[in-house]
C-alpha atoms as a PDB file:
ATOM      1  CA  MET A   1      24.372  16.256   3.234  1.00  0.00           C
ATOM      2  CA  LEU A   2      22.417  14.890   0.299  1.00  0.00           C
ATOM      3  CA  VAL A   3      18.995  14.976   2.113  1.00  0.00           C
ATOM      4  CA  LEU A   4      19.631  18.344   3.393  1.00  0.00           C
ATOM      5  CA  TRP A   5      20.530  19.563  -0.168  1.00  0.00           C
ATOM      6  CA  LEU A   6      17.357  18.057  -1.705  1.00  0.00           C
ATOM      7  CA  GLU A   7      15.125  19.573   1.127  1.00  0.00           C
ATOM      8  CA  GLU A   8      16.404  23.010   0.773  1.00  0.00           C
ATOM      9  CA  ASN A   9      16.463  23.048  -3.088  1.00  0.00           C
ATOM     10  CA  ILE A  10      13.816  20.833  -4.265  1.00  0.00           C
ATOM     11  CA  LEU A  11      11.614  18.992  -1.840  1.00  0.00           C
ATOM     12  CA  LYS A  12      10.976  21.749   0.591  1.00  0.00           C
ATOM     13  CA  ILE A  13       8.714  19.673   2.823  1.00  0.00           C
ATOM     14  CA  TYR A  14       9.673  21.589   5.972  1.00  0.00           C
ATOM     15  CA  GLU A  15       9.514  25.288   6.639  1.00  0.00           C
ATOM     16  CA  PRO A  16      12.819  26.756   6.715  1.00  0.00           C
ATOM     17  CA  ASP A  17      12.660  27.062  10.447  1.00  0.00           C
ATOM     18  CA  LYS A  18      12.062  23.449  10.975  1.00  0.00           C
ATOM     19  CA  ARG A  19      15.325  22.251   9.184  1.00  0.00           C
ATOM     20  CA  SER A  20      17.613  22.634  11.940  1.00  0.00           C
ATOM     21  CA  GLY A  21      17.465  19.092  12.813  1.00  0.00           C
ATOM     22  CA  LEU A  22      18.720  18.117   9.310  1.00  0.00           C
ATOM     23  CA  GLN A  23      21.349  20.960   9.221  1.00  0.00           C
ATOM     24  CA  ASN A  24      23.165  19.757  12.318  1.00  0.00           C
ATOM     25  CA  ILE A  25      24.741  17.018  10.413  1.00  0.00           C
ATOM     26  CA  ASP A  26      27.454  16.169  12.981  1.00  0.00           C
ATOM     27  CA  SER A  27      24.812  16.000  16.008  1.00  0.00           C
ATOM     28  CA  ASP A  28      24.440  12.684  17.522  1.00  0.00           C
ATOM     29  CA  GLU A  29      20.405  13.422  17.204  1.00  0.00           C
ATOM     30  CA  TRP A  30      20.663  13.701  13.446  1.00  0.00           C
ATOM     31  CA  ASP A  31      19.261   9.881  12.873  1.00  0.00           C
ATOM     32  CA  THR A  32      16.331  10.704  14.770  1.00  0.00           C
ATOM     33  CA  ALA A  33      15.677  13.875  12.738  1.00  0.00           C
ATOM     34  CA  PHE A  34      16.176  12.040   9.722  1.00  0.00           C
ATOM     35  CA  LYS A  35      13.634   9.388  10.877  1.00  0.00           C
ATOM     36  CA  ASP A  36      11.175  12.217  11.603  1.00  0.00           C
ATOM     37  CA  TYR A  37      11.755  13.739   8.289  1.00  0.00           C
ATOM     38  CA  CYS A  38      10.931  10.168   6.606  1.00  0.00           C
ATOM     39  CA  VAL A  39       7.516  10.293   8.545  1.00  0.00           C
ATOM     40  CA  SER A  40       6.701  13.954   7.700  1.00  0.00           C
ATOM     41  CA  SER A  41       7.345  13.304   3.953  1.00  0.00           C
ATOM     42  CA  SER A  42       5.226  10.036   3.999  1.00  0.00           C
ATOM     43  CA  ASN A  43       8.214   8.049   2.775  1.00  0.00           C
ATOM     44  CA  PRO A  44       6.835   4.490   2.411  1.00  0.00           C
ATOM     45  CA  ILE A  45      10.173   2.681   2.436  1.00  0.00           C
ATOM     46  CA  THR A  46      10.354   0.219   5.553  1.00  0.00           C
ATOM     47  CA  SER A  47      13.919  -0.799   5.113  1.00  0.00           C
ATOM     48  CA  THR A  48      16.339   0.159   7.853  1.00  0.00           C
ATOM     49  CA  GLU A  49      19.185   0.738   5.131  1.00  0.00           C
ATOM     50  CA  THR A  50      19.803   4.641   4.686  1.00  0.00           C
ATOM     51  CA  ILE A  51      20.464   4.087   0.852  1.00  0.00           C
ATOM     52  CA  ASP A  52      16.936   2.764   0.314  1.00  0.00           C
ATOM     53  CA  HIS A  53      15.424   5.969   1.650  1.00  0.00           C
ATOM     54  CA  LEU A  54      17.969   8.273  -0.205  1.00  0.00           C
ATOM     55  CA  GLU A  55      16.903   6.499  -3.538  1.00  0.00           C
ATOM     56  CA  TRP A  56      13.278   7.114  -2.824  1.00  0.00           C
ATOM     57  CA  PHE A  57      13.905  10.915  -1.798  1.00  0.00           C
ATOM     58  CA  LEU A  58      16.068  11.089  -5.067  1.00  0.00           C
ATOM     59  CA  GLY A  59      13.008   9.776  -7.246  1.00  0.00           C
ATOM     60  CA  ARG A  60      10.736  12.073  -5.624  1.00  0.00           C
ATOM     61  CA  ALA A  61      12.919  15.026  -6.244  1.00  0.00           C
ATOM     62  CA  VAL A  62      13.161  13.944 -10.023  1.00  0.00           C
ATOM     63  CA  ARG A  63       9.409  13.770 -10.078  1.00  0.00           C
ATOM     64  CA  THR A  64       9.172  17.154  -8.470  1.00  0.00           C
ATOM     65  CA  VAL A  65      11.398  18.817 -10.722  1.00  0.00           C
ATOM     66  CA  TYR A  66       9.825  17.423 -13.875  1.00  0.00           C
ATOM     67  CA  ASN A  67       6.347  18.390 -12.654  1.00  0.00           C
ATOM     68  CA  GLU A  68       7.547  22.171 -12.002  1.00  0.00           C
ATOM     69  CA  GLN A  69       9.110  22.292 -15.432  1.00  0.00           C
ATOM     70  CA  ARG A  70       7.043  19.838 -17.377  1.00  0.00           C
ATOM     71  CA  SER A  71       6.703  21.809 -20.688  1.00  0.00           C
ATOM     72  CA  LYS A  72      10.444  22.789 -20.641  1.00  0.00           C
ATOM     73  CA  PHE A  73      11.379  18.904 -20.369  1.00  0.00           C
ATOM     74  CA  ASP A  74       8.770  17.711 -22.818  1.00  0.00           C
ATOM     75  CA  SER A  75      10.015  20.436 -25.443  1.00  0.00           C
ATOM     76  CA  GLU A  76      13.622  19.418 -25.082  1.00  0.00           C
ATOM     77  CA  THR A  77      12.767  15.798 -25.423  1.00  0.00           C
ATOM     78  CA  LYS A  78      10.802  16.344 -28.460  1.00  0.00           C
ATOM     79  CA  THR A  79      13.777  18.107 -29.933  1.00  0.00           C
ATOM     80  CA  THR A  80      16.162  15.419 -28.824  1.00  0.00           C
ATOM     81  CA  LEU A  81      14.046  12.942 -30.682  1.00  0.00           C
ATOM     82  CA  GLU A  82      13.742  14.850 -33.828  1.00  0.00           C
ATOM     83  CA  ILE A  83      17.402  15.381 -33.795  1.00  0.00           C
ATOM     84  CA  ASP A  84      18.715  11.876 -33.054  1.00  0.00           C
ATOM     85  CA  SER A  85      17.252   9.326 -35.320  1.00  0.00           C
ATOM     86  CA  ASN A  86      18.578   6.527 -33.174  1.00  0.00           C
ATOM     87  CA  VAL A  87      16.494   7.228 -30.249  1.00  0.00           C
ATOM     88  CA  PRO A  88      13.347   5.182 -30.115  1.00  0.00           C
ATOM     89  CA  THR A  89      10.067   6.771 -30.648  1.00  0.00           C
ATOM     90  CA  ILE A  90       8.093   7.051 -27.316  1.00  0.00           C
ATOM     91  CA  ILE A  91       4.412   7.022 -27.868  1.00  0.00           C
ATOM     92  CA  PRO A  92       2.683   9.322 -25.396  1.00  0.00           C
ATOM     93  CA  SER A  93       0.075   7.220 -23.310  1.00  0.00           C
ATOM     94  CA  ASP A  94      -3.601   8.392 -23.773  1.00  0.00           C
ATOM     95  CA  ASN A  95      -4.535   6.864 -20.280  1.00  0.00           C
ATOM     96  CA  PRO A  96      -4.710   9.947 -17.813  1.00  0.00           C
ATOM     97  CA  ILE A  97      -3.741   7.426 -15.005  1.00  0.00           C
ATOM     98  CA  ASP A  98      -0.314   7.163 -16.412  1.00  0.00           C
ATOM     99  CA  ASN A  99       0.325  10.800 -15.973  1.00  0.00           C
ATOM    100  CA  ILE A 100      -0.814  11.022 -12.325  1.00  0.00           C
ATOM    101  CA  ASP A 101       1.677  12.267  -9.624  1.00  0.00           C
ATOM    102  CA  ALA A 102       0.866  10.135  -6.788  1.00  0.00           C
ATOM    103  CA  TYR A 103       2.621  12.406  -4.522  1.00  0.00           C
ATOM    104  CA  SER A 104       1.043  15.675  -5.362  1.00  0.00           C
ATOM    105  CA  ASP A 105      -1.105  17.248  -2.768  1.00  0.00           C
ATOM    106  CA  ASP A 106      -4.175  17.302  -5.084  1.00  0.00           C
ATOM    107  CA  PHE A 107      -3.767  13.417  -5.404  1.00  0.00           C
ATOM    108  CA  LYS A 108      -3.341  13.005  -1.661  1.00  0.00           C
ATOM    109  CA  LYS A 109      -6.569  15.062  -0.999  1.00  0.00           C
ATOM    110  CA  GLY A 110      -8.481  13.055  -3.432  1.00  0.00           C
ATOM    111  CA  VAL A 111      -7.388   9.837  -1.623  1.00  0.00           C
ATOM    112  CA  GLU A 112      -8.495  11.530   1.605  1.00  0.00           C
ATOM    113  CA  LYS A 113     -11.995  12.400   0.399  1.00  0.00           C
ATOM    114  CA  LEU A 114     -12.543   8.805  -0.920  1.00  0.00           C
ATOM    115  CA  ALA A 115     -11.668   7.433   2.513  1.00  0.00           C
ATOM    116  CA  ASP A 116     -14.063   9.912   4.134  1.00  0.00           C
ATOM    117  CA  LEU A 117     -16.807   9.146   1.538  1.00  0.00           C
ATOM    118  CA  LEU A 118     -16.236   5.210   2.256  1.00  0.00           C
ATOM    119  CA  ASN A 119     -15.882   5.641   6.039  1.00  0.00           C
ATOM    120  CA  ILE A 120     -12.308   4.293   5.909  1.00  0.00           C
ATOM    121  CA  SER A 121      -9.741   5.031   8.505  1.00  0.00           C
ATOM    122  CA  LYS A 122      -6.718   7.237   7.121  1.00  0.00           C
ATOM    123  CA  HIS A 123      -3.190   5.984   7.128  1.00  0.00           C
ATOM    124  CA  PRO A 124      -0.383   8.698   7.427  1.00  0.00           C
ATOM    125  CA  ASP A 125       0.782   7.141   4.325  1.00  0.00           C
ATOM    126  CA  HIS A 126      -1.713   7.981   1.763  1.00  0.00           C
ATOM    127  CA  ILE A 127      -0.690   5.198  -0.460  1.00  0.00           C
ATOM    128  CA  ILE A 128      -1.395   2.527   2.184  1.00  0.00           C
ATOM    129  CA  THR A 129      -4.884   4.515   2.518  1.00  0.00           C
ATOM    130  CA  LEU A 130      -5.281   4.065  -1.175  1.00  0.00           C
ATOM    131  CA  GLU A 131      -4.697   0.371  -0.903  1.00  0.00           C
ATOM    132  CA  ALA A 132      -7.452   0.211   1.645  1.00  0.00           C
ATOM    133  CA  VAL A 133      -9.898   2.144  -0.460  1.00  0.00           C
ATOM    134  CA  SER A 134      -9.024  -0.133  -3.428  1.00  0.00           C
ATOM    135  CA  ALA A 135      -9.474  -3.224  -1.700  1.00  0.00           C
ATOM    136  CA  PHE A 136     -12.960  -2.133  -0.366  1.00  0.00           C
ATOM    137  CA  ILE A 137     -14.044  -1.269  -3.671  1.00  0.00           C
ATOM    138  CA  GLU A 138     -12.880  -4.354  -5.267  1.00  0.00           C
ATOM    139  CA  LYS A 139     -14.585  -6.362  -2.815  1.00  0.00           C
ATOM    140  CA  ARG A 140     -17.936  -4.246  -1.914  1.00  0.00           C
ATOM    141  CA  LEU A 141     -18.568  -2.063  -5.035  1.00  0.00           C
ATOM    142  CA  SER A 142     -17.659  -4.639  -7.891  1.00  0.00           C
ATOM    143  CA  ALA A 143     -20.332  -5.468 -10.371  1.00  0.00           C
ATOM    144  CA  LYS A 144     -20.910  -8.761  -8.800  1.00  0.00           C
ATOM    145  CA  ALA A 145     -21.043  -7.370  -5.450  1.00  0.00           C
ATOM    146  CA  ILE A 146     -23.687  -4.718  -6.537  1.00  0.00           C
ATOM    147  CA  ASN A 147     -25.741  -7.336  -8.102  1.00  0.00           C
ATOM    148  CA  ASN A 148     -25.728  -9.582  -5.422  1.00  0.00           C
ATOM    149  CA  PRO A 149     -25.006  -7.532  -1.933  1.00  0.00           C
ATOM    150  CA  SER A 150     -26.057 -10.210   0.164  1.00  0.00           C
ATOM    151  CA  ALA A 151     -22.955 -12.301  -0.995  1.00  0.00           C
ATOM    152  CA  VAL A 152     -20.292  -9.668   0.348  1.00  0.00           C
ATOM    153  CA  LEU A 153     -22.074  -8.322   3.306  1.00  0.00           C
ATOM    154  CA  PRO A 154     -21.664  -9.728   6.714  1.00  0.00           C
ATOM    155  CA  LYS A 155     -24.045 -12.161   7.859  1.00  0.00           C
ATOM    156  CA  GLY A 156     -25.286 -12.739  11.535  1.00  0.00           C
ATOM    157  CA  GLU A 157     -25.707 -10.482  14.751  1.00  0.00           C
ATOM    158  CA  ALA A 158     -22.817  -8.016  15.686  1.00  0.00           C
ATOM    159  CA  PHE A 159     -20.344  -9.471  18.219  1.00  0.00           C
ATOM    160  CA  PRO A 160     -19.714  -7.130  20.840  1.00  0.00           C
ATOM    161  CA  LEU A 161     -15.824  -6.757  21.463  1.00  0.00           C
ATOM    162  CA  GLU A 162     -16.253  -6.717  25.252  1.00  0.00           C
ATOM    163  CA  GLN A 163     -16.820 -10.474  25.080  1.00  0.00           C
ATOM    164  CA  ILE A 164     -13.751 -11.326  23.214  1.00  0.00           C
ATOM    165  CA  LYS A 165     -11.307 -12.932  25.314  1.00  0.00           C
ATOM    166  CA  GLY A 166      -8.084 -14.910  25.155  1.00  0.00           C
ATOM    167  CA  HIS A 167      -5.565 -12.200  24.419  1.00  0.00           C
ATOM    168  CA  LYS A 168      -2.600 -12.327  26.433  1.00  0.00           C
ATOM    169  CA  ILE A 169      -1.709  -8.546  26.232  1.00  0.00           C
ATOM    170  CA  ASP A 170      -3.451  -6.567  28.780  1.00  0.00           C
ATOM    171  CA  SER A 171      -3.584  -2.733  29.062  1.00  0.00           C
ATOM    172  CA  LYS A 172      -5.365  -0.193  31.310  1.00  0.00           C
ATOM    173  CA  ASP A 173      -6.070   1.832  28.107  1.00  0.00           C
ATOM    174  CA  LYS A 174      -9.452   0.990  26.876  1.00  0.00           C
ATOM    175  CA  ALA A 175      -8.709   2.040  23.030  1.00  0.00           C
ATOM    176  CA  VAL A 176      -5.717  -0.246  23.142  1.00  0.00           C
ATOM    177  CA  LEU A 177      -7.734  -3.203  24.210  1.00  0.00           C
ATOM    178  CA  LYS A 178     -10.276  -2.658  21.561  1.00  0.00           C
ATOM    179  CA  ALA A 179      -7.532  -2.333  18.980  1.00  0.00           C
ATOM    180  CA  LEU A 180      -5.991  -5.607  20.288  1.00  0.00           C
ATOM    181  CA  LYS A 181      -9.450  -7.482  20.020  1.00  0.00           C
ATOM    182  CA  VAL A 182     -10.000  -6.044  16.393  1.00  0.00           C
ATOM    183  CA  LEU A 183      -6.684  -7.343  15.411  1.00  0.00           C
ATOM    184  CA  ARG A 184      -7.406 -10.706  16.884  1.00  0.00           C
ATOM    185  CA  LEU A 185     -10.634 -11.016  15.036  1.00  0.00           C
ATOM    186  CA  ALA A 186      -8.877 -10.110  11.997  1.00  0.00           C
ATOM    187  CA  GLN A 187      -6.378 -12.671  12.201  1.00  0.00           C
ATOM    188  CA  LEU A 188      -9.067 -15.306  12.962  1.00  0.00           C
ATOM    189  CA  HIS A 189     -10.761 -14.129   9.740  1.00  0.00           C
ATOM    190  CA  ARG A 190      -7.442 -14.684   7.628  1.00  0.00           C
ATOM    191  CA  LEU A 191      -6.931 -18.134   9.376  1.00  0.00           C
ATOM    192  CA  ARG A 192     -10.480 -19.141   8.300  1.00  0.00           C
ATOM    193  CA  ASP A 193      -9.767 -17.973   4.644  1.00  0.00           C
ATOM    194  CA  LEU A 194      -6.737 -19.683   4.651  1.00  0.00           C
ATOM    195  CA  GLN A 195      -8.351 -22.943   6.022  1.00  0.00           C
ATOM    196  CA  THR A 196     -11.127 -22.736   3.339  1.00  0.00           C
ATOM    197  CA  CYS A 197      -8.209 -22.576   0.676  1.00  0.00           C
ATOM    198  CA  ILE A 198      -6.662 -25.645   2.163  1.00  0.00           C
ATOM    199  CA  ASN A 199      -9.835 -27.489   2.059  1.00  0.00           C
ATOM    200  CA  GLU A 200     -10.529 -26.520  -1.568  1.00  0.00           C
ATOM    201  CA  CYS A 201      -7.014 -27.752  -2.425  1.00  0.00           C
ATOM    202  CA  ILE A 202      -7.765 -31.021  -0.797  1.00  0.00           C
ATOM    203  CA  VAL A 203     -11.172 -31.545  -2.616  1.00  0.00           C
ATOM    204  CA  SER A 204      -9.470 -30.626  -5.891  1.00  0.00           C
ATOM    205  CA  MET A 205      -6.581 -33.253  -5.323  1.00  0.00           C
ATOM    206  CA  GLN A 206      -8.918 -35.912  -4.220  1.00  0.00           C
ATOM    207  CA  GLN A 207     -10.780 -35.618  -7.420  1.00  0.00           C
ATOM    208  CA  ILE A 208      -7.867 -36.146  -9.613  1.00  0.00           C
ATOM    209  CA  THR A 209      -6.315 -38.925  -7.338  1.00  0.00           C
ATOM    210  CA  SER A 210      -9.403 -41.067  -6.131  1.00  0.00           C
ATOM    211  CA  ASN A 211     -10.356 -43.941  -8.148  1.00  0.00           C
ATOM    212  CA  PRO A 212     -13.568 -45.815  -7.148  1.00  0.00           C
ATOM    213  CA  LYS A 213     -12.470 -48.928  -9.387  1.00  0.00           C
ATOM    214  CA  THR A 214     -10.913 -51.743  -7.269  1.00  0.00           C
ATOM    215  CA  ASP A 215      -9.944 -55.152  -8.210  1.00  0.00           C
ATOM    216  CA  THR A 216      -9.045 -57.065  -4.830  1.00  0.00           C
ATOM    217  CA  LYS A 217      -7.341 -60.013  -6.737  1.00  0.00           C
ATOM    218  CA  LEU A 218      -4.403 -57.732  -8.024  1.00  0.00           C
ATOM    219  CA  GLY A 219      -4.385 -56.153  -4.535  1.00  0.00           C
ATOM    220  CA  LYS A 220      -4.337 -52.612  -5.764  1.00  0.00           C
ATOM    221  CA  VAL A 221      -6.877 -49.657  -6.362  1.00  0.00           C
ATOM    222  CA  GLY A 222      -7.541 -48.626  -9.758  1.00  0.00           C
ATOM    223  CA  TYR A 223      -6.432 -50.084 -13.094  1.00  0.00           C
END
């Protein structure tokens, strides 16, 4: 009932003629309709608990109402602060990023344009797409990377996906097989990074614990 009320009165993600699934609250198919609604609203919550999804929808509803009546709420807040001296003073932020609505249509379009510009595949959840854009910029477009591109660009010849073997899952769909091979390569890359970190830790510990001074008479290493 709460989800339906939020959708009909505030969120309005669906067109009115597409809300029948949510409106049939007593139907056995309502859970399926709710899951579809979560996908359509780009709900990033991965929990299986309904209360977690409701909390996210309530938060989005609050942001939506505030953005639609920003001047009204700002004026009332200012009046309240002037009347009640016990309310701590809130200093507005000059940083424009603090005032961005990450779920507005303009923000989503901006993320999509960035992804297209950087040739990054888009995820249904624009926040995940933004995380991919951020990771790419941090790795490839940092000041260090720009000054020394060879340090971040892949080295060696391209390895054809057709030659990758060893995955246990088989499929007649070529696109699925390619995706499996890409995921396998990505996992191997992560494992190599992990092994590098482990080796660096071992070297650091050896520098602390090793001592070349040996007194065989005492039967021990170091003084």
